[in-house]
């Protein structure tokens, strides 16, 4: 079954293609309001599979970040990846997750301990939202540059990848973290 957010994301893409305004944000668990605030067993269940609650302030900051940058779609969630992969082992095979959780490189000059099961998560967990955003943007910029066959510095982070010429094959390569020609 497809998630409701998939429909909303598709609608957002369609509306944007027609020149209309549209925004779709998928937020993870918010702990200080709603059901997680009133039913502690729900939060404990989610946490047991690696889904951690964010504050309503973080959710609003994420929406503000999205709107200020003109993004059409965004997903924001706090994760404890080892617990998530334990609960959903098939996700370990996803190129998307493998790319984001690469433990072979440092992040913003901070070395990642290869023996640390949390890897990338450990490095970014202690960062504030602005710094965490910069780290993720830098990582995505680096991956995008490998697909475009350019340097990361040449990519303007304010220009959507589609406007830079990203096609479906390049998007697949980006998703799978495969440089062009491989």
C-alpha atoms as a PDB file:
ATOM      1  CA  UNK A   1       0.000   0.000   0.000  1.00  0.00           C
ATOM      2  CA  UNK A   2       1.334   3.456  -0.898  1.00  0.00           C
ATOM      3  CA  UNK A   3       1.541   6.000   1.859  1.00  0.00           C
ATOM      4  CA  UNK A   4      -0.704   9.093   1.712  1.00  0.00           C
ATOM      5  CA  UNK A   5       2.431  11.234   1.528  1.00  0.00           C
ATOM      6  CA  UNK A   6       3.348   9.599  -1.803  1.00  0.00           C
ATOM      7  CA  UNK A   7       0.095  10.920  -3.254  1.00  0.00           C
ATOM      8  CA  UNK A   8       0.694  14.376  -1.803  1.00  0.00           C
ATOM      9  CA  UNK A   9       4.278  14.409  -3.095  1.00  0.00           C
ATOM     10  CA  UNK A  10       3.035  13.460  -6.571  1.00  0.00           C
ATOM     11  CA  UNK A  11       0.349  16.137  -6.438  1.00  0.00           C
ATOM     12  CA  UNK A  12       2.985  18.649  -5.366  1.00  0.00           C
ATOM     13  CA  UNK A  13       5.215  17.759  -8.337  1.00  0.00           C
ATOM     14  CA  UNK A  14       2.248  18.011 -10.716  1.00  0.00           C
ATOM     15  CA  UNK A  15       1.161  21.408  -9.389  1.00  0.00           C
ATOM     16  CA  UNK A  16       4.710  22.775  -9.478  1.00  0.00           C
ATOM     17  CA  UNK A  17       5.074  21.568 -13.086  1.00  0.00           C
ATOM     18  CA  UNK A  18       1.951  23.604 -13.925  1.00  0.00           C
ATOM     19  CA  UNK A  19       3.431  26.705 -12.282  1.00  0.00           C
ATOM     20  CA  UNK A  20       1.188  26.509  -9.219  1.00  0.00           C
ATOM     21  CA  UNK A  21       2.292  26.736  -5.606  1.00  0.00           C
ATOM     22  CA  UNK A  22       2.558  23.518  -3.667  1.00  0.00           C
ATOM     23  CA  UNK A  23       4.403  22.238  -0.615  1.00  0.00           C
ATOM     24  CA  UNK A  24       4.492  18.779   0.955  1.00  0.00           C
ATOM     25  CA  UNK A  25       6.293  18.080   4.226  1.00  0.00           C
ATOM     26  CA  UNK A  26       6.434  14.688   5.922  1.00  0.00           C
ATOM     27  CA  UNK A  27       7.236  14.990   9.594  1.00  0.00           C
ATOM     28  CA  UNK A  28       8.253  12.201  11.912  1.00  0.00           C
ATOM     29  CA  UNK A  29       6.922  11.850  15.417  1.00  0.00           C
ATOM     30  CA  UNK A  30       6.402  15.094  17.350  1.00  0.00           C
ATOM     31  CA  UNK A  31       6.723  14.426  21.058  1.00  0.00           C
ATOM     32  CA  UNK A  32       5.554  17.526  22.886  1.00  0.00           C
ATOM     33  CA  UNK A  33       2.066  17.749  21.343  1.00  0.00           C
ATOM     34  CA  UNK A  34      -0.579  15.325  20.157  1.00  0.00           C
ATOM     35  CA  UNK A  35      -0.824  11.618  20.822  1.00  0.00           C
ATOM     36  CA  UNK A  36       2.825  11.116  21.770  1.00  0.00           C
ATOM     37  CA  UNK A  37       2.436  13.747  24.457  1.00  0.00           C
ATOM     38  CA  UNK A  38      -0.590  12.000  25.966  1.00  0.00           C
ATOM     39  CA  UNK A  39       0.191   8.303  25.393  1.00  0.00           C
ATOM     40  CA  UNK A  40       3.724   7.440  26.518  1.00  0.00           C
ATOM     41  CA  UNK A  41       3.434   3.839  25.302  1.00  0.00           C
ATOM     42  CA  UNK A  42       3.163   5.087  21.681  1.00  0.00           C
ATOM     43  CA  UNK A  43       6.436   6.969  21.973  1.00  0.00           C
ATOM     44  CA  UNK A  44       8.138   3.962  23.567  1.00  0.00           C
ATOM     45  CA  UNK A  45       6.920   1.700  20.733  1.00  0.00           C
ATOM     46  CA  UNK A  46       8.195   4.077  18.068  1.00  0.00           C
ATOM     47  CA  UNK A  47      11.500   4.520  19.871  1.00  0.00           C
ATOM     48  CA  UNK A  48      11.966   0.740  20.044  1.00  0.00           C
ATOM     49  CA  UNK A  49      12.137   0.689  16.219  1.00  0.00           C
ATOM     50  CA  UNK A  50      14.395   3.729  15.993  1.00  0.00           C
ATOM     51  CA  UNK A  51      11.827   6.484  15.392  1.00  0.00           C
ATOM     52  CA  UNK A  52      12.576   9.274  17.855  1.00  0.00           C
ATOM     53  CA  UNK A  53      10.340  12.213  18.650  1.00  0.00           C
ATOM     54  CA  UNK A  54      11.221  15.762  17.651  1.00  0.00           C
ATOM     55  CA  UNK A  55       9.913  18.882  19.327  1.00  0.00           C
ATOM     56  CA  UNK A  56       7.173  21.000  17.792  1.00  0.00           C
ATOM     57  CA  UNK A  57       9.765  23.804  17.619  1.00  0.00           C
ATOM     58  CA  UNK A  58      11.982  21.600  15.409  1.00  0.00           C
ATOM     59  CA  UNK A  59       8.988  20.781  13.205  1.00  0.00           C
ATOM     60  CA  UNK A  60       8.214  24.482  12.724  1.00  0.00           C
ATOM     61  CA  UNK A  61      11.909  25.238  12.052  1.00  0.00           C
ATOM     62  CA  UNK A  62      11.914  22.499   9.407  1.00  0.00           C
ATOM     63  CA  UNK A  63       8.873  23.997   7.708  1.00  0.00           C
ATOM     64  CA  UNK A  64      10.479  27.441   7.853  1.00  0.00           C
ATOM     65  CA  UNK A  65      13.689  26.005   6.353  1.00  0.00           C
ATOM     66  CA  UNK A  66      11.673  24.439   3.547  1.00  0.00           C
ATOM     67  CA  UNK A  67       9.671  27.546   2.746  1.00  0.00           C
ATOM     68  CA  UNK A  68      12.679  29.892   2.884  1.00  0.00           C
ATOM     69  CA  UNK A  69      14.487  27.751   0.313  1.00  0.00           C
ATOM     70  CA  UNK A  70      11.496  27.213  -1.964  1.00  0.00           C
ATOM     71  CA  UNK A  71      11.561  23.428  -1.587  1.00  0.00           C
ATOM     72  CA  UNK A  72       8.492  21.600  -2.788  1.00  0.00           C
ATOM     73  CA  UNK A  73       8.918  18.401  -0.739  1.00  0.00           C
ATOM     74  CA  UNK A  74      10.763  17.533   2.465  1.00  0.00           C
ATOM     75  CA  UNK A  75      10.867  14.685   4.979  1.00  0.00           C
ATOM     76  CA  UNK A  76      12.124  15.324   8.505  1.00  0.00           C
ATOM     77  CA  UNK A  77      12.488  12.684  11.193  1.00  0.00           C
ATOM     78  CA  UNK A  78      14.821  11.831  14.060  1.00  0.00           C
ATOM     79  CA  UNK A  79      16.119   8.302  13.660  1.00  0.00           C
ATOM     80  CA  UNK A  80      18.201   5.830  15.613  1.00  0.00           C
ATOM     81  CA  UNK A  81      19.377   3.869  12.590  1.00  0.00           C
ATOM     82  CA  UNK A  82      20.683   0.687  14.264  1.00  0.00           C
ATOM     83  CA  UNK A  83      17.312   0.113  15.961  1.00  0.00           C
ATOM     84  CA  UNK A  84      15.479   0.987  12.725  1.00  0.00           C
ATOM     85  CA  UNK A  85      17.520  -1.533  10.733  1.00  0.00           C
ATOM     86  CA  UNK A  86      16.994  -4.153  13.408  1.00  0.00           C
ATOM     87  CA  UNK A  87      13.222  -3.654  13.137  1.00  0.00           C
ATOM     88  CA  UNK A  88      13.262  -3.339   9.329  1.00  0.00           C
ATOM     89  CA  UNK A  89      16.270  -5.392   8.136  1.00  0.00           C
ATOM     90  CA  UNK A  90      15.334  -5.207   4.446  1.00  0.00           C
ATOM     91  CA  UNK A  91      16.008  -1.461   4.541  1.00  0.00           C
ATOM     92  CA  UNK A  92      19.741  -2.176   4.934  1.00  0.00           C
ATOM     93  CA  UNK A  93      19.731  -3.127   1.258  1.00  0.00           C
ATOM     94  CA  UNK A  94      18.385   0.255   0.150  1.00  0.00           C
ATOM     95  CA  UNK A  95      21.021   2.306  -1.707  1.00  0.00           C
ATOM     96  CA  UNK A  96      19.437   5.443  -0.248  1.00  0.00           C
ATOM     97  CA  UNK A  97      20.107   4.395   3.330  1.00  0.00           C
ATOM     98  CA  UNK A  98      23.528   2.932   2.529  1.00  0.00           C
ATOM     99  CA  UNK A  99      24.570   6.272   1.056  1.00  0.00           C
ATOM    100  CA  UNK A 100      23.384   8.351   3.985  1.00  0.00           C
ATOM    101  CA  UNK A 101      24.921   6.013   6.523  1.00  0.00           C
ATOM    102  CA  UNK A 102      28.320   5.678   4.889  1.00  0.00           C
ATOM    103  CA  UNK A 103      30.893   5.349   7.649  1.00  0.00           C
ATOM    104  CA  UNK A 104      33.911   5.630   5.396  1.00  0.00           C
ATOM    105  CA  UNK A 105      34.180   9.434   5.460  1.00  0.00           C
ATOM    106  CA  UNK A 106      34.302  12.127   8.056  1.00  0.00           C
ATOM    107  CA  UNK A 107      31.697  14.869   8.161  1.00  0.00           C
ATOM    108  CA  UNK A 108      32.789  18.517   8.222  1.00  0.00           C
ATOM    109  CA  UNK A 109      36.219  17.507   9.448  1.00  0.00           C
ATOM    110  CA  UNK A 110      34.894  15.178  12.163  1.00  0.00           C
ATOM    111  CA  UNK A 111      36.211  11.645  11.689  1.00  0.00           C
ATOM    112  CA  UNK A 112      33.657   8.861  11.814  1.00  0.00           C
ATOM    113  CA  UNK A 113      34.709   5.872  13.880  1.00  0.00           C
ATOM    114  CA  UNK A 114      34.219   2.782  11.699  1.00  0.00           C
ATOM    115  CA  UNK A 115      33.673   0.684  14.821  1.00  0.00           C
ATOM    116  CA  UNK A 116      30.835   2.988  15.893  1.00  0.00           C
ATOM    117  CA  UNK A 117      27.548   1.271  15.008  1.00  0.00           C
ATOM    118  CA  UNK A 118      25.794   4.623  14.758  1.00  0.00           C
ATOM    119  CA  UNK A 119      28.318   6.044  12.235  1.00  0.00           C
ATOM    120  CA  UNK A 120      26.953   9.059  10.403  1.00  0.00           C
ATOM    121  CA  UNK A 121      24.124   9.420  12.910  1.00  0.00           C
ATOM    122  CA  UNK A 122      26.599   9.828  15.751  1.00  0.00           C
ATOM    123  CA  UNK A 123      28.398  12.636  13.960  1.00  0.00           C
ATOM    124  CA  UNK A 124      25.294  14.661  13.136  1.00  0.00           C
ATOM    125  CA  UNK A 125      23.315  13.901  16.297  1.00  0.00           C
ATOM    126  CA  UNK A 126      25.114  16.538  18.355  1.00  0.00           C
ATOM    127  CA  UNK A 127      24.805  19.243  15.711  1.00  0.00           C
ATOM    128  CA  UNK A 128      22.202  22.012  15.731  1.00  0.00           C
ATOM    129  CA  UNK A 129      19.645  22.159  12.926  1.00  0.00           C
ATOM    130  CA  UNK A 130      21.653  24.700  10.879  1.00  0.00           C
ATOM    131  CA  UNK A 131      24.890  22.727  11.166  1.00  0.00           C
ATOM    132  CA  UNK A 132      23.108  19.404  10.522  1.00  0.00           C
ATOM    133  CA  UNK A 133      21.470  20.919   7.448  1.00  0.00           C
ATOM    134  CA  UNK A 134      24.841  22.136   6.166  1.00  0.00           C
ATOM    135  CA  UNK A 135      26.369  18.661   6.646  1.00  0.00           C
ATOM    136  CA  UNK A 136      23.526  16.969   4.770  1.00  0.00           C
ATOM    137  CA  UNK A 137      23.521  19.577   1.991  1.00  0.00           C
ATOM    138  CA  UNK A 138      27.301  19.129   1.600  1.00  0.00           C
ATOM    139  CA  UNK A 139      26.897  15.338   1.399  1.00  0.00           C
ATOM    140  CA  UNK A 140      24.088  15.579  -1.163  1.00  0.00           C
ATOM    141  CA  UNK A 141      26.029  18.187  -3.123  1.00  0.00           C
ATOM    142  CA  UNK A 142      29.031  15.834  -3.253  1.00  0.00           C
ATOM    143  CA  UNK A 143      26.857  12.931  -4.425  1.00  0.00           C
ATOM    144  CA  UNK A 144      25.106  15.120  -7.011  1.00  0.00           C
ATOM    145  CA  UNK A 145      28.439  16.356  -8.357  1.00  0.00           C
ATOM    146  CA  UNK A 146      29.547  12.773  -8.980  1.00  0.00           C
ATOM    147  CA  UNK A 147      26.393  12.187 -11.058  1.00  0.00           C
ATOM    148  CA  UNK A 148      26.753  15.480 -12.971  1.00  0.00           C
ATOM    149  CA  UNK A 149      30.477  14.855 -13.526  1.00  0.00           C
ATOM    150  CA  UNK A 150      31.457  18.149 -11.920  1.00  0.00           C
ATOM    151  CA  UNK A 151      32.893  19.379  -8.653  1.00  0.00           C
ATOM    152  CA  UNK A 152      30.669  19.996  -5.645  1.00  0.00           C
ATOM    153  CA  UNK A 153      31.718  23.658  -5.620  1.00  0.00           C
ATOM    154  CA  UNK A 154      30.224  24.137  -9.105  1.00  0.00           C
ATOM    155  CA  UNK A 155      26.730  23.156  -7.960  1.00  0.00           C
ATOM    156  CA  UNK A 156      24.461  25.951  -6.758  1.00  0.00           C
ATOM    157  CA  UNK A 157      22.440  24.627  -3.826  1.00  0.00           C
ATOM    158  CA  UNK A 158      19.632  27.091  -4.550  1.00  0.00           C
ATOM    159  CA  UNK A 159      19.032  25.712  -8.073  1.00  0.00           C
ATOM    160  CA  UNK A 160      16.797  22.621  -8.262  1.00  0.00           C
ATOM    161  CA  UNK A 161      18.568  19.600  -9.751  1.00  0.00           C
ATOM    162  CA  UNK A 162      15.916  19.371 -12.478  1.00  0.00           C
ATOM    163  CA  UNK A 163      16.879  22.856 -13.677  1.00  0.00           C
ATOM    164  CA  UNK A 164      20.517  21.729 -13.806  1.00  0.00           C
ATOM    165  CA  UNK A 165      19.519  18.990 -16.238  1.00  0.00           C
ATOM    166  CA  UNK A 166      18.854  16.029 -13.948  1.00  0.00           C
ATOM    167  CA  UNK A 167      17.027  13.345 -15.909  1.00  0.00           C
ATOM    168  CA  UNK A 168      15.521  10.042 -14.743  1.00  0.00           C
ATOM    169  CA  UNK A 169      18.724   8.057 -15.390  1.00  0.00           C
ATOM    170  CA  UNK A 170      20.788  10.562 -13.432  1.00  0.00           C
ATOM    171  CA  UNK A 171      18.200  10.502 -10.631  1.00  0.00           C
ATOM    172  CA  UNK A 172      18.543   6.712 -10.467  1.00  0.00           C
ATOM    173  CA  UNK A 173      22.324   7.043 -10.348  1.00  0.00           C
ATOM    174  CA  UNK A 174      22.014   9.610  -7.583  1.00  0.00           C
ATOM    175  CA  UNK A 175      19.653   7.354  -5.672  1.00  0.00           C
ATOM    176  CA  UNK A 176      21.999   4.408  -6.067  1.00  0.00           C
ATOM    177  CA  UNK A 177      25.118   6.556  -5.529  1.00  0.00           C
ATOM    178  CA  UNK A 178      26.602   5.412  -8.838  1.00  0.00           C
ATOM    179  CA  UNK A 179      28.762   7.844 -10.813  1.00  0.00           C
ATOM    180  CA  UNK A 180      27.895   8.342 -14.490  1.00  0.00           C
ATOM    181  CA  UNK A 181      29.194   5.560 -16.732  1.00  0.00           C
ATOM    182  CA  UNK A 182      29.244   2.824 -14.101  1.00  0.00           C
END
